[in-house]
Amino acid sequence: MKLRRHVTKMLAVLPFFPTVLSAQTTALRATPQDTLGPFYPPKWAGEIDNDLIAFAGKNFAKGTLLALTGRVLATNGKPLAGAAVEIWQTDDTGKYRHPDDDGEGPAKRGFQGFGRTLADGEGRYSFRTIKPVIYSGRPPHVHFKVIAAGHRELVTQLYFAGETSERTGFVGFSKERDRLTVTPTPHRDGDRAGFAASFDLVLAPAPN
């Protein structure tokens, strides 16, 4: 009888194990912070949207197309709907749309240079842009700035597999470069070939 009671108690506890494990596995590590860099846009002028190659009524024909998507999440795994996601990057000549670099040169060449969007109800965001190129020995990268209520502001950079510091001779700022690196896959946008990449952004809670 004692053995039966013991087994019954064990079976009663078992259904709770998956719940405990599930709760533990939803914990996510916050995306590593990286440098803001010198070329964060000092002002937003003209078009500000998530399509950096459809600019001034034209499609930027140069560079390699990049469809950039992902989700904005809290460390508990919940999507951060309405989070503001900004990106900025070089054009196909390695120049930023910034007065300390090439000024409005990228815009005159048809590239928006900056982008901003809001995450949807599932935390999803998307950008249509080009794959940045190497400049000043730096591997190609896309800058991100993400703001969500109740969370720490995230400033980071996205890097691409195969475009490493060993190849360019540049030592990156982040000590966790591997967590900021994605592997692009082939992608087509109409008759234009390019790449797609997915990059999730996890924000830490704001301090109390």
Protein backbone atom coordinates (compact mmCIF):
# COMPACT_ATOMS: atom_id res chain seq x y z
CA MET A 1 0.00 0.00 0.00
CA LYS A 2 2.85 2.37 0.85
CA LEU A 3 4.48 1.65 -2.50
CA ARG A 4 1.19 2.30 -4.33
CA ARG A 5 0.73 5.62 -2.55
CA HIS A 6 4.31 6.59 -3.44
CA VAL A 7 3.83 5.78 -7.14
CA THR A 8 0.53 7.69 -7.19
CA LYS A 9 2.23 10.77 -5.77
CA MET A 10 5.01 10.56 -8.38
CA LEU A 11 2.50 10.28 -11.24
CA ALA A 12 0.62 13.27 -9.90
CA VAL A 13 3.79 15.37 -10.09
CA LEU A 14 4.91 14.27 -13.57
CA PRO A 15 2.42 16.39 -15.59
CA PHE A 16 3.99 19.51 -14.08
CA PHE A 17 7.51 18.74 -15.32
CA PRO A 18 6.94 19.94 -18.94
CA THR A 19 5.48 23.18 -17.63
CA VAL A 20 8.54 23.86 -15.52
CA LEU A 21 10.92 22.99 -18.34
CA SER A 22 8.94 25.10 -20.80
CA ALA A 23 9.13 28.12 -18.51
CA GLN A 24 12.88 27.68 -18.23
CA THR A 25 13.44 27.39 -21.99
CA THR A 26 11.60 30.64 -22.76
CA ALA A 27 14.37 32.68 -21.11
CA LEU A 28 16.40 34.43 -23.82
CA ARG A 29 19.73 36.22 -23.65
CA ALA A 30 19.60 39.91 -24.51
CA THR A 31 21.22 40.81 -27.84
CA PRO A 32 24.75 42.12 -27.24
CA GLN A 33 25.19 45.86 -27.38
CA ASP A 34 27.61 47.22 -29.98
CA THR A 35 28.93 50.68 -30.78
CA LEU A 36 26.61 53.41 -32.05
CA GLY A 37 29.34 54.42 -34.47
CA PRO A 38 30.06 57.90 -35.79
CA PHE A 39 27.39 57.92 -38.49
CA TYR A 40 24.08 57.70 -36.65
CA PRO A 41 21.86 60.13 -38.59
CA PRO A 42 21.82 63.57 -36.94
CA LYS A 43 18.36 64.20 -38.40
CA TRP A 44 15.67 62.40 -40.35
CA ALA A 45 14.73 64.18 -43.57
CA GLY A 46 12.57 63.07 -46.45
CA GLU A 47 11.37 59.48 -46.64
CA ILE A 48 11.56 57.47 -43.43
CA ASP A 49 10.25 53.94 -43.92
CA ASN A 50 11.38 50.32 -44.14
CA ASP A 51 12.20 50.35 -47.88
CA LEU A 52 15.64 51.86 -48.36
CA ILE A 53 15.86 51.13 -52.09
CA ALA A 54 12.52 52.58 -53.13
CA PHE A 55 13.47 56.23 -52.81
CA ALA A 56 12.30 59.42 -54.49
CA GLY A 57 9.98 57.46 -56.78
CA LYS A 58 12.71 55.14 -58.07
CA ASN A 59 14.19 51.76 -57.18
CA PHE A 60 17.90 51.90 -56.36
CA ALA A 61 19.38 49.63 -59.02
CA LYS A 62 22.90 49.25 -57.64
CA GLY A 63 24.16 46.93 -54.93
CA THR A 64 22.99 43.48 -53.87
CA LEU A 65 19.40 43.28 -52.66
CA LEU A 66 18.93 42.32 -48.99
CA ALA A 67 15.57 41.38 -47.46
CA LEU A 68 16.12 41.81 -43.74
CA THR A 69 13.56 40.43 -41.29
CA GLY A 70 13.29 39.33 -37.68
CA ARG A 71 11.42 39.71 -34.41
CA VAL A 72 11.78 42.00 -31.43
CA LEU A 73 11.43 40.00 -28.22
CA ALA A 74 11.68 40.42 -24.47
CA THR A 75 14.00 38.12 -22.52
CA ASN A 76 10.93 36.14 -21.44
CA GLY A 77 10.26 35.33 -25.10
CA LYS A 78 7.25 37.58 -25.51
CA PRO A 79 7.03 39.71 -28.68
CA LEU A 80 7.45 43.45 -28.20
CA ALA A 81 4.67 44.79 -30.40
CA GLY A 82 5.13 48.41 -31.45
CA ALA A 83 8.88 48.46 -30.81
CA ALA A 84 10.62 51.09 -32.96
CA VAL A 85 13.38 49.59 -35.10
CA GLU A 86 15.86 51.84 -36.91
CA ILE A 87 18.68 50.85 -39.26
CA TRP A 88 21.38 52.82 -41.06
CA GLN A 89 24.18 51.64 -43.32
CA THR A 90 26.44 52.40 -46.27
CA ASP A 91 25.39 52.38 -49.89
CA ASP A 92 27.14 50.38 -52.62
CA THR A 93 30.09 52.83 -52.58
CA GLY A 94 30.73 52.43 -48.85
CA LYS A 95 29.35 55.86 -47.95
CA TYR A 96 26.87 56.87 -45.27
CA ARG A 97 24.16 59.46 -45.69
CA HIS A 98 25.77 61.67 -43.07
CA PRO A 99 27.36 65.15 -43.20
CA ASP A 100 30.67 63.78 -41.86
CA ASP A 101 30.92 61.17 -44.63
CA ASP A 102 29.29 61.74 -48.01
CA GLY A 103 26.47 64.05 -46.93
CA GLU A 104 23.47 63.53 -49.17
CA GLY A 105 25.55 61.60 -51.71
CA PRO A 106 23.79 58.24 -51.10
CA ALA A 107 20.38 59.93 -51.44
CA LYS A 108 21.46 61.59 -54.69
CA ARG A 109 22.52 58.15 -55.93
CA GLY A 110 19.07 56.85 -55.03
CA PHE A 111 19.70 55.10 -51.69
CA GLN A 112 17.68 56.15 -48.65
CA GLY A 113 20.45 55.28 -46.17
CA PHE A 114 18.22 55.28 -43.07
CA GLY A 115 15.15 53.21 -42.25
CA ARG A 116 12.56 53.03 -39.50
CA THR A 117 9.61 50.74 -38.82
CA LEU A 118 7.42 49.49 -35.97
CA ALA A 119 7.22 45.84 -34.98
CA ASP A 120 3.81 44.27 -35.57
CA GLY A 121 1.67 42.39 -33.05
CA GLU A 122 3.98 39.38 -33.21
CA GLY A 123 7.09 41.52 -32.82
CA ARG A 124 8.01 41.13 -36.49
CA TYR A 125 9.88 43.76 -38.49
CA SER A 126 11.18 43.89 -42.06
CA PHE A 127 13.42 46.06 -44.21
CA ARG A 128 14.16 46.09 -47.93
CA THR A 129 17.70 47.30 -48.46
CA ILE A 130 21.05 46.31 -49.98
CA LYS A 131 23.92 44.33 -48.51
CA PRO A 132 26.46 46.89 -47.24
CA VAL A 133 30.04 46.77 -48.46
CA ILE A 134 33.44 46.91 -46.78
CA TYR A 135 34.68 50.40 -45.97
CA SER A 136 37.83 51.54 -44.14
CA GLY A 137 38.73 47.91 -43.47
CA ARG A 138 35.47 47.26 -41.65
CA PRO A 139 33.42 44.17 -42.49
CA PRO A 140 29.97 44.86 -43.96
CA HIS A 141 27.43 45.61 -41.24
CA VAL A 142 24.02 47.12 -40.59
CA HIS A 143 23.48 49.36 -37.56
CA PHE A 144 20.38 48.85 -35.40
CA LYS A 145 18.71 50.98 -32.76
CA VAL A 146 15.63 49.51 -31.04
CA ILE A 147 13.34 51.20 -28.53
CA ALA A 148 10.49 49.50 -26.65
CA ALA A 149 8.59 50.68 -23.58
CA GLY A 150 9.80 49.11 -20.35
CA HIS A 151 13.05 47.85 -21.89
CA ARG A 152 16.62 48.99 -22.26
CA GLU A 153 17.38 50.73 -25.54
CA LEU A 154 19.34 48.39 -27.79
CA VAL A 155 22.12 49.68 -30.06
CA THR A 156 23.87 46.93 -31.98
CA GLN A 157 25.22 45.87 -35.37
CA LEU A 158 24.46 42.98 -37.71
CA TYR A 159 27.37 41.20 -39.41
CA PHE A 160 27.48 38.59 -42.17
CA ALA A 161 29.09 35.16 -42.12
CA GLY A 162 32.20 35.03 -44.28
CA GLU A 163 32.81 38.77 -43.83
CA THR A 164 34.91 38.44 -40.68
CA SER A 165 37.59 40.50 -38.99
CA GLU A 166 40.14 37.93 -40.20
CA ARG A 167 39.21 38.75 -43.79
CA THR A 168 39.26 42.50 -43.33
CA GLY A 169 41.91 42.87 -40.64
CA PHE A 170 39.42 44.69 -38.41
CA VAL A 171 38.74 43.73 -34.81
CA GLY A 172 35.07 44.38 -34.02
CA PHE A 173 33.79 46.21 -30.97
CA SER A 174 31.48 43.49 -29.69
CA LYS A 175 33.08 40.58 -27.83
CA GLU A 176 30.15 38.43 -28.93
CA ARG A 177 30.40 38.89 -32.68
CA ASP A 178 29.13 35.38 -33.34
CA ARG A 179 25.74 36.27 -31.81
CA LEU A 180 25.50 39.26 -34.14
CA THR A 181 26.35 37.31 -37.30
CA VAL A 182 23.83 35.90 -39.77
CA THR A 183 24.18 33.67 -42.82
CA PRO A 184 22.29 35.15 -45.79
CA THR A 185 20.32 32.85 -48.08
CA PRO A 186 19.45 33.37 -51.76
CA HIS A 187 16.35 35.47 -52.32
CA ARG A 188 14.49 36.98 -55.27
CA ASP A 189 12.45 40.16 -55.32
CA GLY A 190 10.63 40.08 -58.64
CA ASP A 191 13.33 39.78 -61.31
CA ARG A 192 16.07 40.93 -58.93
CA ALA A 193 18.31 38.35 -57.23
CA GLY A 194 19.80 38.98 -53.83
CA PHE A 195 19.83 37.65 -50.29
CA ALA A 196 17.56 37.30 -47.28
CA ALA A 197 18.64 37.35 -43.65
CA SER A 198 16.79 36.92 -40.37
CA PHE A 199 17.98 38.66 -37.19
CA ASP A 200 16.01 38.53 -33.94
CA LEU A 201 16.53 41.32 -31.42
CA VAL A 202 16.13 40.58 -27.70
CA LEU A 203 15.81 43.52 -25.33
CA ALA A 204 16.63 43.42 -21.63
CA PRO A 205 14.10 44.86 -19.17
CA ALA A 206 14.66 48.43 -18.04
CA PRO A 207 16.09 48.77 -14.52
CA ASN A 208 13.56 49.48 -11.81
